[in-house]
Structures are given as C-alpha cells and as structure tokens.
Amino acid sequence: MFRTTVPHAARLSALSVLILAASVALAAPASAHVEVRASGASALAENVTIDFTAETESDKAGITKLEVILPEGIAPADVTYKSGPKGWKFAATDRGYTVGGPAVAVGEDAAYAVTVRQLPDAESLAFKTLQTYSDARVDRWIELGEHAEGGHGNSAPVLELGPAEPGAKLASPSPTAEPTSAAPSTPEADEPAESAASKDVATTSEEGSSSNTILIVALVAVAVALAGGGLWWFKRRGPSTS
C-alpha cells in the first residue's frame, strides 16, 4: 500500500499563499482613498484644473457629498466648479468648499473637477476630504505626515507640484465683492449748507417785505379814513357854531 506525502516545504508555501491572500482581502477596503491629479501642476501656476476621484468603500450606500478643506495659500474664492456627477452642486465654505447632490450609484466612485485661480508657492498641497454617503456614513481622508506614510490610514490626497516657471509671480488677491452703490442723491441733498441757509434768509426777507407792504397800505387806508371823517365832522359842526 502506497502513501502520498506532501513535503513540509510545500505545505508551508501553500499556507503562506493563503495568508497573503487573506491579508490582501482584508486590506482591500482600507486601500480606498481620494485621488487628486492635475496635468503639469507647478508652483504659482494660474487657472489650473484639478481632478478628484473619491473611491467608494460602501457596498450599501452611494456617495452624496465631499467636503474639502483647502490647503494654505488657496482661498475658497479662488476655486470654481468645473464638472462633477449629474445634479451635484458646488458651494464655498469658510475653510474650503463642498460638492454634492444625488447619491451616485452604489459601488461607484465620485469624480469631479475644479479650477484654481493660482496655486501657491509650495512643493505639495494636501486637500483634506470628508466623504459622506447616503446612509450618513462619513469617511475622513485627513491624515498627514507619518500617519499617512505607506498609504495606511485615512491619508489626505496630496498634489505634488513642480517648481515655478521662470518669471512666475504671485497674483493679487482674489477680488472681493464690490461695495453696494450709494442711493441716488437728490438736488436738495447736493446743495451745500450755505446755499440752503441763503435760501432760507431770502425767503424770510421776502416774507418780511410782503408783511411790511401790507402794513403800510393798511396804515395809509386808516389815515385816509380818519382824515375824511374829520373833514366831514368839521363841515357839519361849522354852521351850528355860527
């Protein structure tokens, strides 16, 4: 009777393969992350389009929103929305921006693009991202430095920049909202105080002159009436006295 034996080394090799396969399977969900890329991105480059891809980690819900915390040197006003999933909208926040809308299909990644007015003078840019699903789950891709080395943990997407082009300069800050225009002025409001005062004085003088004229006319009328009455009285009294 013959017996088939498996060499000890072969058994160890098979066991190693199984362990490796299990490790890969268990590590697969953790490998998901947010990717960022920009063609020819360099320090101080202007009007740069940056593409983001948020990989899904859920097999039950779709991605509904991505919130990005901008790196130093990029203001929310410097970012404009270019494209994204159907129905998604862009909104600036005090620390970056959000893009979101109807949930993408379960199991699908969410890809979108923005345009940055000018990249800062830096070697790399980290875009910390909060990824929200339709079941309220949130993946936080925000880790930097040693916590993100080797692709482990919830590392933030980092965009590597090339050196600035010769002659590249930092542009002026983004224009702020223009001040509201003043209400249209009226002729009265435009007149200097002296002119208004002069008008008041002239009006008063005219009113005073009119009043004086009326008073003089009245006095003359009274005088005439008195004179006429006196003459009549003297005429009537004259014959009786004789």
Protein backbone atom coordinates (compact mmCIF):
# COMPACT_ATOMS: atom_id res chain seq x y z
CA MET A 1 0.00 0.00 0.00
CA PHE A 2 1.45 3.26 -1.08
CA ARG A 3 1.00 6.57 0.80
CA THR A 4 1.33 10.00 -0.82
CA THR A 5 3.12 12.54 1.32
CA VAL A 6 3.33 16.30 0.80
CA PRO A 7 6.73 17.75 1.52
CA HIS A 8 6.91 20.06 4.55
CA ALA A 9 8.22 22.94 2.42
CA ALA A 10 5.27 22.63 0.02
CA ARG A 11 2.82 22.75 2.92
CA LEU A 12 4.46 25.93 4.23
CA SER A 13 4.34 27.52 0.77
CA ALA A 14 0.64 26.82 0.40
CA LEU A 15 -0.01 28.21 3.87
CA SER A 16 1.94 31.36 3.04
CA VAL A 17 -0.10 31.88 -0.12
CA LEU A 18 -3.36 31.56 1.84
CA ILE A 19 -2.18 34.01 4.49
CA LEU A 20 -1.09 36.51 1.84
CA ALA A 21 -4.40 36.23 0.01
CA ALA A 22 -6.33 36.74 3.24
CA SER A 23 -4.22 39.77 4.10
CA VAL A 24 -4.87 41.34 0.71
CA ALA A 25 -8.58 40.65 1.00
CA LEU A 26 -8.76 42.22 4.44
CA ALA A 27 -6.66 45.19 3.43
CA ALA A 28 -8.60 45.96 0.24
CA PRO A 29 -11.30 48.15 1.84
CA ALA A 30 -8.65 50.24 3.61
CA SER A 31 -6.88 50.94 0.33
CA ALA A 32 -9.72 53.12 -0.89
CA HIS A 33 -8.98 56.82 -0.78
CA VAL A 34 -9.38 60.13 -2.61
CA GLU A 35 -7.07 60.67 -5.56
CA VAL A 36 -6.01 64.10 -6.83
CA ARG A 37 -4.17 64.97 -10.02
CA ALA A 38 -3.51 67.99 -12.20
CA SER A 39 -1.69 67.99 -15.50
CA GLY A 40 1.54 69.97 -15.34
CA ALA A 41 0.78 71.46 -11.90
CA SER A 42 3.57 73.72 -10.70
CA ALA A 43 4.03 76.35 -8.03
CA LEU A 44 2.40 79.70 -8.86
CA ALA A 45 0.66 78.23 -11.93
CA GLU A 46 -2.59 80.01 -12.79
CA ASN A 47 -6.02 78.68 -13.79
CA VAL A 48 -5.15 75.09 -13.00
CA THR A 49 -7.78 72.34 -13.36
CA ILE A 50 -7.58 69.78 -10.56
CA ASP A 51 -9.33 66.41 -10.85
CA PHE A 52 -10.50 64.45 -7.80
CA THR A 53 -11.73 60.88 -7.58
CA ALA A 54 -13.33 59.72 -4.34
CA GLU A 55 -13.28 55.94 -4.23
CA THR A 56 -16.20 54.22 -2.54
CA GLU A 57 -15.85 51.96 0.48
CA SER A 58 -19.50 51.06 0.84
CA ASP A 59 -21.49 48.33 -0.88
CA LYS A 60 -24.76 49.58 0.63
CA ALA A 61 -24.86 53.35 0.00
CA GLY A 62 -23.75 55.85 -2.61
CA ILE A 63 -21.58 58.94 -2.13
CA THR A 64 -23.62 62.13 -1.70
CA LYS A 65 -21.15 64.82 -0.65
CA LEU A 66 -17.47 65.66 -0.48
CA GLU A 67 -16.18 68.45 1.75
CA VAL A 68 -12.67 69.71 1.07
CA ILE A 69 -10.50 71.69 3.47
CA LEU A 70 -8.24 73.79 1.28
CA PRO A 71 -4.51 73.96 1.92
CA GLU A 72 -2.83 77.19 2.96
CA GLY A 73 -2.43 79.56 0.06
CA ILE A 74 -5.74 78.77 -1.67
CA ALA A 75 -8.83 80.72 -0.64
CA PRO A 76 -12.39 79.47 -1.22
CA ALA A 77 -12.94 82.41 -3.58
CA ASP A 78 -10.06 81.13 -5.75
CA VAL A 79 -11.91 77.89 -6.60
CA THR A 80 -14.61 77.43 -9.24
CA TYR A 81 -16.57 74.30 -10.08
CA LYS A 82 -15.92 72.74 -13.47
CA SER A 83 -17.63 69.34 -13.62
CA GLY A 84 -18.94 66.51 -11.47
CA PRO A 85 -21.66 63.88 -11.04
CA LYS A 86 -25.04 64.73 -12.52
CA GLY A 87 -27.06 67.01 -10.28
CA TRP A 88 -24.16 67.89 -7.99
CA LYS A 89 -23.57 71.49 -6.95
CA PHE A 90 -20.62 73.47 -5.60
CA ALA A 91 -20.69 75.68 -2.50
CA ALA A 92 -17.87 77.62 -0.86
CA THR A 93 -17.35 77.31 2.91
CA ASP A 94 -15.26 79.27 5.39
CA ARG A 95 -12.47 76.71 5.11
CA GLY A 96 -12.88 75.32 1.60
CA TYR A 97 -15.86 74.03 -0.35
CA THR A 98 -18.37 71.22 -0.74
CA VAL A 99 -19.62 69.38 -3.80
CA GLY A 100 -22.66 67.17 -3.51
CA GLY A 101 -26.08 66.18 -4.70
CA PRO A 102 -27.97 62.99 -5.57
CA ALA A 103 -26.18 59.83 -4.47
CA VAL A 104 -24.01 58.19 -7.09
CA ALA A 105 -24.76 54.54 -7.79
CA VAL A 106 -23.77 52.12 -5.04
CA GLY A 107 -20.28 50.83 -5.63
CA GLU A 108 -19.28 53.67 -7.97
CA ASP A 109 -16.64 56.31 -7.33
CA ALA A 110 -17.39 60.06 -7.39
CA ALA A 111 -15.23 62.13 -9.74
CA TYR A 112 -15.27 65.90 -10.13
CA ALA A 113 -13.02 68.77 -11.21
CA VAL A 114 -12.40 72.33 -10.04
CA THR A 115 -10.32 75.20 -11.37
CA VAL A 116 -7.96 77.06 -9.04
CA ARG A 117 -7.13 80.68 -9.83
CA GLN A 118 -3.48 80.25 -8.79
CA LEU A 119 -1.53 77.59 -6.93
CA PRO A 120 0.60 78.76 -4.00
CA ASP A 121 4.39 78.68 -3.93
CA ALA A 122 4.73 75.21 -2.40
CA GLU A 123 6.10 71.75 -3.12
CA SER A 124 2.89 69.87 -2.37
CA LEU A 125 -0.73 70.55 -1.43
CA ALA A 126 -2.91 68.41 0.84
CA PHE A 127 -6.67 68.50 0.26
CA LYS A 128 -8.26 67.03 3.38
CA THR A 129 -11.59 65.48 2.41
CA LEU A 130 -14.70 64.33 4.27
CA GLN A 131 -16.67 61.81 2.21
CA THR A 132 -20.38 61.36 3.06
CA TYR A 133 -22.67 58.52 1.96
CA SER A 134 -26.45 58.32 1.63
CA ASP A 135 -26.66 56.29 4.86
CA ALA A 136 -24.88 59.11 6.78
CA ARG A 137 -21.56 57.27 6.91
CA VAL A 138 -18.53 59.60 6.73
CA ASP A 139 -15.01 58.64 5.64
CA ARG A 140 -12.36 61.11 6.79
CA TRP A 141 -9.40 61.36 4.45
CA ILE A 142 -7.49 63.87 6.56
CA GLU A 143 -4.32 62.27 7.91
CA LEU A 144 -0.97 63.84 7.08
CA GLY A 145 2.70 63.16 7.72
CA GLU A 146 3.82 59.97 9.44
CA HIS A 147 0.22 58.83 9.99
CA ALA A 148 -0.27 58.65 6.23
CA GLU A 149 3.06 57.09 5.27
CA GLY A 150 2.90 53.93 3.21
CA GLY A 151 -0.71 54.55 2.22
CA HIS A 152 -2.04 53.29 5.55
CA GLY A 153 -4.79 55.02 7.46
CA ASN A 154 -7.12 57.68 6.13
CA SER A 155 -4.48 59.69 4.29
CA ALA A 156 -5.44 63.02 2.73
CA PRO A 157 -5.00 63.37 -1.04
CA VAL A 158 -1.76 65.22 -1.81
CA LEU A 159 -0.93 67.00 -5.06
CA GLU A 160 2.77 67.24 -5.82
CA LEU A 161 3.84 70.49 -7.51
CA GLY A 162 6.71 71.16 -9.85
CA PRO A 163 8.97 74.20 -9.46
CA ALA A 164 7.59 77.56 -10.50
CA GLU A 165 8.12 78.62 -14.09
CA PRO A 166 10.72 81.37 -14.67
CA GLY A 167 9.15 84.75 -14.11
CA ALA A 168 6.08 83.36 -12.32
CA LYS A 169 4.76 85.78 -9.70
CA LEU A 170 2.11 85.68 -7.02
CA ALA A 171 -1.03 87.30 -8.39
CA SER A 172 -3.03 89.86 -6.48
CA PRO A 173 -5.62 88.51 -4.03
CA SER A 174 -9.00 87.50 -5.38
CA PRO A 175 -11.30 90.50 -5.79
CA THR A 176 -13.85 90.86 -3.05
CA ALA A 177 -17.47 91.80 -3.56
CA GLU A 178 -17.83 95.37 -4.73
CA PRO A 179 -19.39 97.74 -2.19
CA THR A 180 -23.04 98.47 -2.72
CA SER A 181 -23.68 101.66 -4.66
CA ALA A 182 -24.96 104.66 -2.72
CA ALA A 183 -28.57 105.74 -3.11
CA PRO A 184 -29.06 108.39 -5.81
CA SER A 185 -28.75 111.85 -4.35
CA THR A 186 -31.48 114.47 -4.60
CA PRO A 187 -30.88 118.10 -5.57
CA GLU A 188 -31.67 119.18 -2.03
CA ALA A 189 -29.10 116.79 -0.62
CA ASP A 190 -26.43 118.03 -3.04
CA GLU A 191 -26.84 121.69 -2.09
CA PRO A 192 -24.20 123.00 0.32
CA ALA A 193 -25.38 124.13 3.73
CA GLU A 194 -24.55 127.77 2.93
CA SER A 195 -26.86 127.73 -0.11
CA ALA A 196 -29.73 126.26 1.89
CA ALA A 197 -29.22 128.88 4.58
CA SER A 198 -29.12 131.66 2.00
CA LYS A 199 -32.37 130.36 0.52
CA ASP A 200 -33.99 130.44 3.97
CA VAL A 201 -32.77 134.01 4.57
CA ALA A 202 -34.07 135.15 1.18
CA THR A 203 -37.42 133.53 1.83
CA THR A 204 -37.65 135.23 5.22
CA SER A 205 -36.74 138.60 3.70
CA GLU A 206 -39.39 138.25 1.03
CA GLU A 207 -41.99 137.31 3.60
CA GLY A 208 -40.96 140.29 5.76
CA SER A 209 -41.16 142.67 2.80
CA SER A 210 -44.65 141.45 1.94
CA SER A 211 -45.78 141.89 5.53
CA ASN A 212 -44.37 145.46 5.69
CA THR A 213 -46.10 146.43 2.43
CA ILE A 214 -49.45 145.20 3.72
CA LEU A 215 -48.96 147.07 6.98
CA ILE A 216 -48.13 150.36 5.19
CA VAL A 217 -51.15 150.04 2.91
CA ALA A 218 -53.37 149.42 5.92
CA LEU A 219 -51.99 152.44 7.78
CA VAL A 220 -52.50 154.68 4.75
CA ALA A 221 -56.07 153.46 4.43
CA VAL A 222 -56.74 154.18 8.08
CA ALA A 223 -55.17 157.62 7.80
CA VAL A 224 -57.29 158.44 4.76
CA ALA A 225 -60.39 157.22 6.54
CA LEU A 226 -59.63 159.33 9.60
CA ALA A 227 -58.90 162.40 7.51
CA GLY A 228 -62.13 162.01 5.61
CA GLY A 229 -64.10 161.54 8.82
CA GLY A 230 -62.54 164.59 10.42
CA LEU A 231 -63.31 166.78 7.45
CA TRP A 232 -66.92 165.63 7.47
CA TRP A 233 -67.18 166.37 11.19
CA PHE A 234 -65.79 169.87 10.82
CA LYS A 235 -68.13 170.66 7.91
CA ARG A 236 -71.13 169.55 9.86
CA ARG A 237 -70.18 171.37 13.02
CA GLY A 238 -69.33 174.66 11.30
CA PRO A 239 -72.87 176.08 10.63
CA SER A 240 -74.14 175.20 14.08
CA THR A 241 -71.36 177.14 15.75
CA SER A 242 -72.12 180.29 13.67
